[in-house]
C-alpha cells in the first residue's frame, strides 16, 4: 500500500506578512465588538466617551487612521517595493505592539487575551520582515 506525502509549498514572505496583518485586524474587530458587552461601555459611548477621550471629529479621525493602517498593510505588504515593505512592517509591527502594551493594563480578560495574540502577531510580522530572504545583487528577482 503506497501513501502519498503532502506537498508543503513554500509561502512567500509577502503573503505571510499580509496574512499576519489580516489576522491582527480580526483580533481588533473582535476585541472592539466584545468590548461593547462590557457593562457601561455603550452608555459611555452614548455620553460621548470615545476610545481616546471625548468623542470629536478629530478623535474619531485619529482612531480611524490608527485602525486603517493595519488594514492597508494587508494590501501594501503585497505591493510595496521589498525594502520599503520590510522596514514598514518592522516599524509598524513594533508600533502596534506598543499600542497594545499601552491599552492592556486594567483591561478585561478577553481584551488581554486578544492583546497577547495581537502582540504575538506583531512579533511574527517583525520576525518575518526582519529575516526576509536575501540574494546576491546580481540574482534574478526577489525570493
N, C-alpha and C. Protein backbone atom coordinates (compact mmCIF):
# COMPACT_ATOMS: atom_id res chain seq x y z
N UNK A 1 0.85 -1.18 0.00
CA UNK A 1 0.00 0.00 0.00
C UNK A 1 0.89 1.24 0.00
N UNK A 2 0.68 2.12 -0.94
CA UNK A 2 1.50 3.33 -1.02
C UNK A 2 0.79 4.49 -0.35
N UNK A 3 1.56 5.31 0.28
CA UNK A 3 0.98 6.51 0.88
C UNK A 3 1.57 7.73 0.18
N UNK A 4 0.75 8.71 0.04
CA UNK A 4 1.19 9.94 -0.62
C UNK A 4 1.56 10.97 0.44
N UNK A 5 2.68 11.61 0.23
CA UNK A 5 3.11 12.67 1.14
C UNK A 5 2.43 13.97 0.74
N UNK A 6 2.10 14.76 1.72
CA UNK A 6 1.52 16.07 1.45
C UNK A 6 2.58 17.00 0.86
N UNK A 7 2.18 17.79 -0.08
CA UNK A 7 3.08 18.78 -0.66
C UNK A 7 3.03 20.01 0.24
N UNK A 8 4.18 20.42 0.69
CA UNK A 8 4.27 21.60 1.55
C UNK A 8 4.91 22.73 0.77
N UNK A 9 4.09 23.55 0.13
CA UNK A 9 4.56 24.64 -0.72
C UNK A 9 5.10 25.78 0.14
N UNK A 10 6.22 26.30 -0.26
CA UNK A 10 6.83 27.44 0.44
C UNK A 10 5.95 28.68 0.24
N UNK A 11 5.62 29.34 1.33
CA UNK A 11 4.79 30.54 1.28
C UNK A 11 5.70 31.76 1.25
N UNK A 12 5.54 32.63 0.25
CA UNK A 12 6.38 33.83 0.16
C UNK A 12 6.20 34.74 1.38
N UNK A 13 7.25 35.44 1.74
CA UNK A 13 7.24 36.35 2.89
C UNK A 13 6.10 37.37 2.77
N UNK A 14 5.89 37.90 1.60
CA UNK A 14 4.83 38.91 1.41
C UNK A 14 3.46 38.35 1.81
N UNK A 15 3.19 37.12 1.44
CA UNK A 15 1.89 36.52 1.81
C UNK A 15 1.80 36.28 3.31
N UNK A 16 2.90 35.88 3.91
CA UNK A 16 2.92 35.69 5.36
C UNK A 16 2.63 37.02 6.07
N UNK A 17 3.28 38.09 5.61
CA UNK A 17 3.08 39.40 6.23
C UNK A 17 1.63 39.85 6.05
N UNK A 18 1.10 39.69 4.86
CA UNK A 18 -0.28 40.08 4.59
C UNK A 18 -1.25 39.30 5.49
N UNK A 19 -1.01 38.00 5.63
CA UNK A 19 -1.88 37.17 6.47
C UNK A 19 -1.78 37.58 7.94
N UNK A 20 -0.59 37.94 8.39
CA UNK A 20 -0.43 38.39 9.78
C UNK A 20 -1.23 39.66 10.04
N UNK A 21 -1.19 40.61 9.09
CA UNK A 21 -1.96 41.84 9.25
C UNK A 21 -3.46 41.55 9.22
N UNK A 22 -3.89 40.63 8.37
CA UNK A 22 -5.31 40.27 8.31
C UNK A 22 -5.75 39.64 9.64
N UNK A 23 -4.94 38.76 10.18
CA UNK A 23 -5.25 38.14 11.47
C UNK A 23 -5.32 39.19 12.58
N UNK A 24 -4.39 40.15 12.55
CA UNK A 24 -4.40 41.24 13.52
C UNK A 24 -5.70 42.01 13.45
N UNK A 25 -6.15 42.28 12.23
CA UNK A 25 -7.40 43.02 12.04
C UNK A 25 -8.59 42.25 12.63
N UNK A 26 -8.63 40.94 12.44
CA UNK A 26 -9.71 40.15 13.02
C UNK A 26 -9.70 40.27 14.54
N UNK A 27 -8.53 40.23 15.15
CA UNK A 27 -8.45 40.38 16.61
C UNK A 27 -8.93 41.76 17.03
N UNK A 28 -8.55 42.81 16.29
CA UNK A 28 -9.04 44.15 16.59
C UNK A 28 -10.55 44.21 16.54
N UNK A 29 -11.11 43.67 15.48
CA UNK A 29 -12.56 43.72 15.30
C UNK A 29 -13.27 42.99 16.43
N UNK A 30 -12.82 41.78 16.75
CA UNK A 30 -13.46 41.03 17.83
C UNK A 30 -13.27 41.71 19.18
N UNK A 31 -12.09 42.27 19.42
CA UNK A 31 -11.87 42.98 20.67
C UNK A 31 -12.82 44.16 20.83
N UNK A 32 -12.98 44.93 19.76
CA UNK A 32 -13.89 46.07 19.82
C UNK A 32 -15.34 45.62 19.95
N UNK A 33 -15.69 44.56 19.25
CA UNK A 33 -17.07 44.04 19.32
C UNK A 33 -17.38 43.52 20.73
N UNK A 34 -16.51 42.67 21.26
CA UNK A 34 -16.74 42.14 22.61
C UNK A 34 -16.72 43.25 23.65
N UNK A 35 -15.95 44.30 23.38
CA UNK A 35 -15.91 45.44 24.29
C UNK A 35 -17.26 46.10 24.47
N UNK A 36 -18.12 45.98 23.47
CA UNK A 36 -19.46 46.57 23.58
C UNK A 36 -20.29 45.88 24.67
N UNK A 37 -19.92 44.66 25.06
CA UNK A 37 -20.65 43.92 26.10
C UNK A 37 -20.19 44.27 27.51
N UNK A 38 -19.11 45.02 27.64
CA UNK A 38 -18.63 45.41 28.96
C UNK A 38 -19.65 46.37 29.56
N UNK A 39 -20.14 46.07 30.76
CA UNK A 39 -21.16 46.95 31.37
C UNK A 39 -20.71 48.40 31.41
N UNK A 40 -21.60 49.27 30.97
CA UNK A 40 -21.34 50.70 30.96
C UNK A 40 -20.70 51.22 29.69
N UNK A 41 -20.18 50.33 28.85
CA UNK A 41 -19.47 50.77 27.64
C UNK A 41 -20.41 51.52 26.69
N UNK A 42 -21.56 50.93 26.41
CA UNK A 42 -22.49 51.58 25.48
C UNK A 42 -22.99 52.91 26.03
N UNK A 43 -23.26 52.96 27.33
CA UNK A 43 -23.71 54.22 27.93
C UNK A 43 -22.62 55.27 27.81
N UNK A 44 -21.38 54.86 28.02
CA UNK A 44 -20.26 55.78 27.86
C UNK A 44 -20.17 56.31 26.44
N UNK A 45 -20.41 55.43 25.48
CA UNK A 45 -20.39 55.87 24.08
C UNK A 45 -21.52 56.86 23.83
N UNK A 46 -22.70 56.57 24.38
CA UNK A 46 -23.84 57.48 24.21
C UNK A 46 -23.58 58.82 24.88
N UNK A 47 -22.79 58.79 25.96
CA UNK A 47 -22.44 60.02 26.68
C UNK A 47 -21.27 60.77 26.03
N UNK A 48 -20.75 60.25 24.92
CA UNK A 48 -19.70 60.96 24.19
C UNK A 48 -18.28 60.58 24.54
N UNK A 49 -18.10 59.44 25.23
CA UNK A 49 -16.74 58.99 25.56
C UNK A 49 -16.26 58.03 24.49
N UNK A 50 -15.12 58.34 23.88
CA UNK A 50 -14.58 57.51 22.81
C UNK A 50 -13.34 56.75 23.26
N UNK A 51 -12.71 56.09 22.32
CA UNK A 51 -11.55 55.26 22.65
C UNK A 51 -10.32 56.05 23.12
N UNK A 52 -10.25 57.33 22.75
CA UNK A 52 -9.08 58.13 23.19
C UNK A 52 -9.54 59.46 23.79
N UNK A 53 -10.63 59.40 24.54
CA UNK A 53 -11.14 60.61 25.18
C UNK A 53 -12.51 60.98 24.67
N UNK A 54 -12.84 62.25 24.84
CA UNK A 54 -14.15 62.73 24.39
C UNK A 54 -14.28 62.57 22.87
N UNK A 55 -15.46 62.16 22.44
CA UNK A 55 -15.71 61.98 21.01
C UNK A 55 -15.74 63.34 20.32
N UNK A 56 -14.96 63.44 19.26
CA UNK A 56 -14.94 64.63 18.42
C UNK A 56 -14.58 64.18 17.02
N UNK A 57 -14.71 65.07 16.08
CA UNK A 57 -14.28 64.76 14.72
C UNK A 57 -12.81 64.32 14.73
N UNK A 58 -11.99 65.07 15.44
CA UNK A 58 -10.55 64.78 15.46
C UNK A 58 -10.23 63.44 16.10
N UNK A 59 -10.88 63.14 17.23
CA UNK A 59 -10.57 61.88 17.91
C UNK A 59 -11.01 60.69 17.06
N UNK A 60 -12.12 60.82 16.35
CA UNK A 60 -12.58 59.72 15.50
C UNK A 60 -11.72 59.58 14.25
N UNK A 61 -11.21 60.69 13.72
CA UNK A 61 -10.28 60.61 12.59
C UNK A 61 -8.99 59.94 13.04
N UNK A 62 -8.47 60.34 14.21
CA UNK A 62 -7.23 59.73 14.72
C UNK A 62 -7.41 58.23 14.94
N UNK A 63 -8.53 57.84 15.54
CA UNK A 63 -8.80 56.42 15.75
C UNK A 63 -8.95 55.69 14.42
N UNK A 64 -9.59 56.33 13.46
CA UNK A 64 -9.76 55.72 12.14
C UNK A 64 -8.42 55.48 11.46
N UNK A 65 -7.52 56.44 11.58
CA UNK A 65 -6.18 56.29 10.99
C UNK A 65 -5.46 55.13 11.69
N UNK A 66 -5.54 55.10 13.01
CA UNK A 66 -4.89 54.05 13.78
C UNK A 66 -5.37 52.66 13.34
N UNK A 67 -6.64 52.54 13.05
CA UNK A 67 -7.21 51.25 12.67
C UNK A 67 -7.13 50.97 11.18
N UNK A 68 -7.02 52.00 10.36
CA UNK A 68 -6.94 51.80 8.91
C UNK A 68 -5.56 51.29 8.49
N UNK A 69 -4.53 51.69 9.18
CA UNK A 69 -3.17 51.31 8.77
C UNK A 69 -2.99 49.79 8.72
N UNK A 70 -3.35 49.03 9.76
CA UNK A 70 -3.21 47.57 9.63
C UNK A 70 -4.01 47.00 8.46
N UNK A 71 -5.19 47.54 8.22
CA UNK A 71 -5.97 47.08 7.08
C UNK A 71 -5.27 47.37 5.76
N UNK A 72 -4.66 48.54 5.65
CA UNK A 72 -3.90 48.87 4.45
C UNK A 72 -2.67 47.99 4.30
N UNK A 73 -2.08 47.59 5.42
CA UNK A 73 -0.88 46.75 5.37
C UNK A 73 -1.17 45.37 4.80
N UNK A 74 -2.41 44.92 4.89
CA UNK A 74 -2.77 43.64 4.25
C UNK A 74 -2.44 43.74 2.76
N UNK A 75 -2.81 44.84 2.14
CA UNK A 75 -2.54 45.07 0.72
C UNK A 75 -1.11 45.54 0.47
N UNK A 76 -0.66 46.52 1.24
CA UNK A 76 0.65 47.10 0.99
C UNK A 76 1.79 46.09 1.14
N UNK A 77 1.61 45.11 2.01
CA UNK A 77 2.63 44.07 2.17
C UNK A 77 2.82 43.25 0.89
N UNK A 78 1.83 43.29 0.03
CA UNK A 78 1.91 42.56 -1.23
C UNK A 78 2.47 43.40 -2.38
N UNK A 79 2.39 44.73 -2.27
CA UNK A 79 2.72 45.56 -3.44
C UNK A 79 3.85 46.57 -3.26
N UNK A 80 4.22 46.90 -2.04
CA UNK A 80 5.31 47.85 -1.84
C UNK A 80 6.63 47.27 -2.32
N UNK A 81 7.57 48.11 -2.73
CA UNK A 81 8.91 47.61 -3.04
C UNK A 81 9.47 46.89 -1.81
N UNK A 82 10.26 45.85 -2.04
CA UNK A 82 10.71 44.97 -0.97
C UNK A 82 11.33 45.69 0.23
N UNK A 83 12.24 46.62 -0.02
CA UNK A 83 12.91 47.31 1.10
C UNK A 83 11.92 48.14 1.91
N UNK A 84 11.07 48.88 1.24
CA UNK A 84 10.05 49.68 1.93
C UNK A 84 9.08 48.78 2.68
N UNK A 85 8.70 47.69 2.05
CA UNK A 85 7.79 46.74 2.69
C UNK A 85 8.42 46.17 3.95
N UNK A 86 9.68 45.77 3.85
CA UNK A 86 10.38 45.19 5.01
C UNK A 86 10.41 46.16 6.17
N UNK A 87 10.90 47.37 5.93
CA UNK A 87 11.05 48.34 7.02
C UNK A 87 9.70 48.85 7.52
N UNK A 88 8.74 48.98 6.63
CA UNK A 88 7.39 49.37 7.06
C UNK A 88 6.78 48.34 7.98
N UNK A 89 6.97 47.07 7.67
CA UNK A 89 6.44 46.00 8.52
C UNK A 89 7.15 45.94 9.86
N UNK A 90 8.46 46.14 9.86
CA UNK A 90 9.20 46.16 11.13
C UNK A 90 8.72 47.33 11.99
N UNK A 91 8.68 48.52 11.42
CA UNK A 91 8.31 49.72 12.19
C UNK A 91 6.86 49.66 12.66
N UNK A 92 5.95 49.33 11.76
CA UNK A 92 4.53 49.30 12.15
C UNK A 92 4.21 48.13 13.07
N UNK A 93 4.89 47.00 12.87
CA UNK A 93 4.72 45.88 13.80
C UNK A 93 5.10 46.29 15.21
N UNK A 94 6.23 46.98 15.35
CA UNK A 94 6.68 47.45 16.67
C UNK A 94 5.72 48.50 17.23
N UNK A 95 5.25 49.40 16.38
CA UNK A 95 4.32 50.44 16.83
C UNK A 95 3.04 49.83 17.38
N UNK A 96 2.47 48.87 16.68
CA UNK A 96 1.21 48.28 17.13
C UNK A 96 1.39 47.37 18.35
N UNK A 97 2.57 46.81 18.53
CA UNK A 97 2.86 46.10 19.79
C UNK A 97 2.83 47.12 20.93
N UNK A 98 3.46 48.27 20.72
CA UNK A 98 3.47 49.32 21.75
C UNK A 98 2.05 49.80 22.06
N UNK A 99 1.22 49.97 21.04
CA UNK A 99 -0.17 50.38 21.26
C UNK A 99 -0.88 49.36 22.15
N UNK A 100 -0.70 48.08 21.85
CA UNK A 100 -1.36 47.05 22.66
C UNK A 100 -0.85 47.08 24.10
N UNK A 101 0.44 47.21 24.27
CA UNK A 101 1.00 47.24 25.62
C UNK A 101 0.49 48.43 26.43
N UNK A 102 0.19 49.55 25.75
CA UNK A 102 -0.34 50.72 26.44
C UNK A 102 -1.83 50.58 26.78
N UNK A 103 -2.56 49.79 25.98
CA UNK A 103 -4.01 49.71 26.19
C UNK A 103 -4.43 48.50 27.01
N UNK A 104 -3.54 47.57 27.30
CA UNK A 104 -3.91 46.36 28.03
C UNK A 104 -4.03 46.52 29.54
N UNK A 105 -3.24 47.37 30.20
CA UNK A 105 -3.33 47.45 31.67
C UNK A 105 -4.74 47.78 32.14
N UNK A 106 -5.25 46.97 33.05
CA UNK A 106 -6.57 47.18 33.62
C UNK A 106 -7.72 46.70 32.75
N UNK A 107 -7.40 46.13 31.59
CA UNK A 107 -8.46 45.69 30.67
C UNK A 107 -9.07 44.37 31.14
N UNK A 108 -10.25 44.11 30.61
CA UNK A 108 -10.91 42.84 30.90
C UNK A 108 -10.09 41.69 30.29
N UNK A 109 -10.30 40.49 30.83
CA UNK A 109 -9.51 39.32 30.42
C UNK A 109 -9.60 39.03 28.93
N UNK A 110 -10.77 39.15 28.32
CA UNK A 110 -10.89 38.87 26.88
C UNK A 110 -9.99 39.81 26.08
N UNK A 111 -9.90 41.07 26.52
CA UNK A 111 -9.09 42.05 25.80
C UNK A 111 -7.61 41.75 25.98
N UNK A 112 -7.24 41.33 27.19
CA UNK A 112 -5.84 40.97 27.44
C UNK A 112 -5.47 39.75 26.59
N UNK A 113 -6.36 38.76 26.53
CA UNK A 113 -6.10 37.59 25.70
C UNK A 113 -5.90 37.98 24.24
N UNK A 114 -6.83 38.78 23.69
CA UNK A 114 -6.68 39.22 22.31
C UNK A 114 -5.44 40.10 22.15
N UNK A 115 -5.13 40.89 23.16
CA UNK A 115 -3.93 41.72 23.12
C UNK A 115 -2.66 40.89 23.05
N UNK A 116 -2.60 39.80 23.80
CA UNK A 116 -1.44 38.91 23.75
C UNK A 116 -1.32 38.30 22.35
N UNK A 117 -2.45 37.88 21.79
CA UNK A 117 -2.44 37.34 20.42
C UNK A 117 -1.95 38.40 19.45
N UNK A 118 -2.43 39.63 19.60
CA UNK A 118 -2.01 40.71 18.71
C UNK A 118 -0.52 41.01 18.85
N UNK A 119 0.00 40.95 20.06
CA UNK A 119 1.43 41.15 20.28
C UNK A 119 2.23 40.04 19.60
N UNK A 120 1.75 38.80 19.70
CA UNK A 120 2.43 37.69 19.03
C UNK A 120 2.37 37.84 17.51
N UNK A 121 1.23 38.30 16.99
CA UNK A 121 1.12 38.55 15.55
C UNK A 121 2.08 39.66 15.13
N UNK A 122 2.18 40.72 15.94
CA UNK A 122 3.12 41.80 15.65
C UNK A 122 4.55 41.32 15.69
N UNK A 123 4.86 40.46 16.67
CA UNK A 123 6.22 39.91 16.75
C UNK A 123 6.50 39.03 15.53
N UNK A 124 5.51 38.28 15.08
CA UNK A 124 5.67 37.48 13.87
C UNK A 124 5.91 38.35 12.66
N UNK A 125 5.19 39.47 12.59
CA UNK A 125 5.37 40.41 11.50
C UNK A 125 6.79 40.95 11.48
N UNK A 126 7.28 41.37 12.63
CA UNK A 126 8.65 41.87 12.73
C UNK A 126 9.64 40.77 12.34
N UNK A 127 9.44 39.57 12.85
CA UNK A 127 10.35 38.45 12.58
C UNK A 127 10.44 38.15 11.08
N UNK A 128 9.29 37.98 10.43
CA UNK A 128 9.31 37.65 9.01
C UNK A 128 9.89 38.79 8.18
N UNK A 129 9.58 40.02 8.54
CA UNK A 129 10.15 41.15 7.80
C UNK A 129 11.65 41.26 8.03
N UNK A 130 12.07 41.10 9.28
CA UNK A 130 13.48 41.23 9.63
C UNK A 130 14.32 40.13 8.97
N UNK A 131 13.75 38.92 8.88
CA UNK A 131 14.50 37.78 8.33
C UNK A 131 14.16 37.53 6.86
N UNK A 132 13.66 38.54 6.19
CA UNK A 132 13.30 38.45 4.77
C UNK A 132 14.49 37.86 4.01
N UNK A 133 14.26 36.81 3.23
CA UNK A 133 15.38 36.20 2.48
C UNK A 133 16.04 37.19 1.54
N UNK A 134 17.35 37.06 1.43
CA UNK A 134 18.12 37.95 0.57
C UNK A 134 18.87 37.10 -0.46
N UNK A 135 19.28 37.75 -1.52
CA UNK A 135 20.12 37.09 -2.51
C UNK A 135 21.14 38.10 -3.02
N UNK A 136 22.13 37.60 -3.70
CA UNK A 136 23.18 38.47 -4.26
C UNK A 136 22.52 39.49 -5.20
N UNK A 137 23.08 40.69 -5.24
CA UNK A 137 22.52 41.78 -6.04
C UNK A 137 22.41 41.42 -7.53
N UNK A 138 23.23 40.51 -8.02
CA UNK A 138 23.15 40.14 -9.43
C UNK A 138 22.19 38.97 -9.66
N UNK A 139 21.46 38.56 -8.60
CA UNK A 139 20.50 37.46 -8.72
C UNK A 139 19.28 37.88 -9.53
N UNK A 140 18.51 36.91 -9.93
CA UNK A 140 17.34 37.18 -10.78
C UNK A 140 16.08 37.20 -9.93
N UNK A 141 15.63 38.38 -9.53
CA UNK A 141 14.34 38.51 -8.86
C UNK A 141 14.40 38.33 -7.37
N UNK A 142 13.28 38.64 -6.75
CA UNK A 142 13.11 38.59 -5.29
C UNK A 142 12.61 37.23 -4.88
N UNK A 143 13.09 36.74 -3.78
CA UNK A 143 12.61 35.45 -3.25
C UNK A 143 11.65 35.66 -2.14
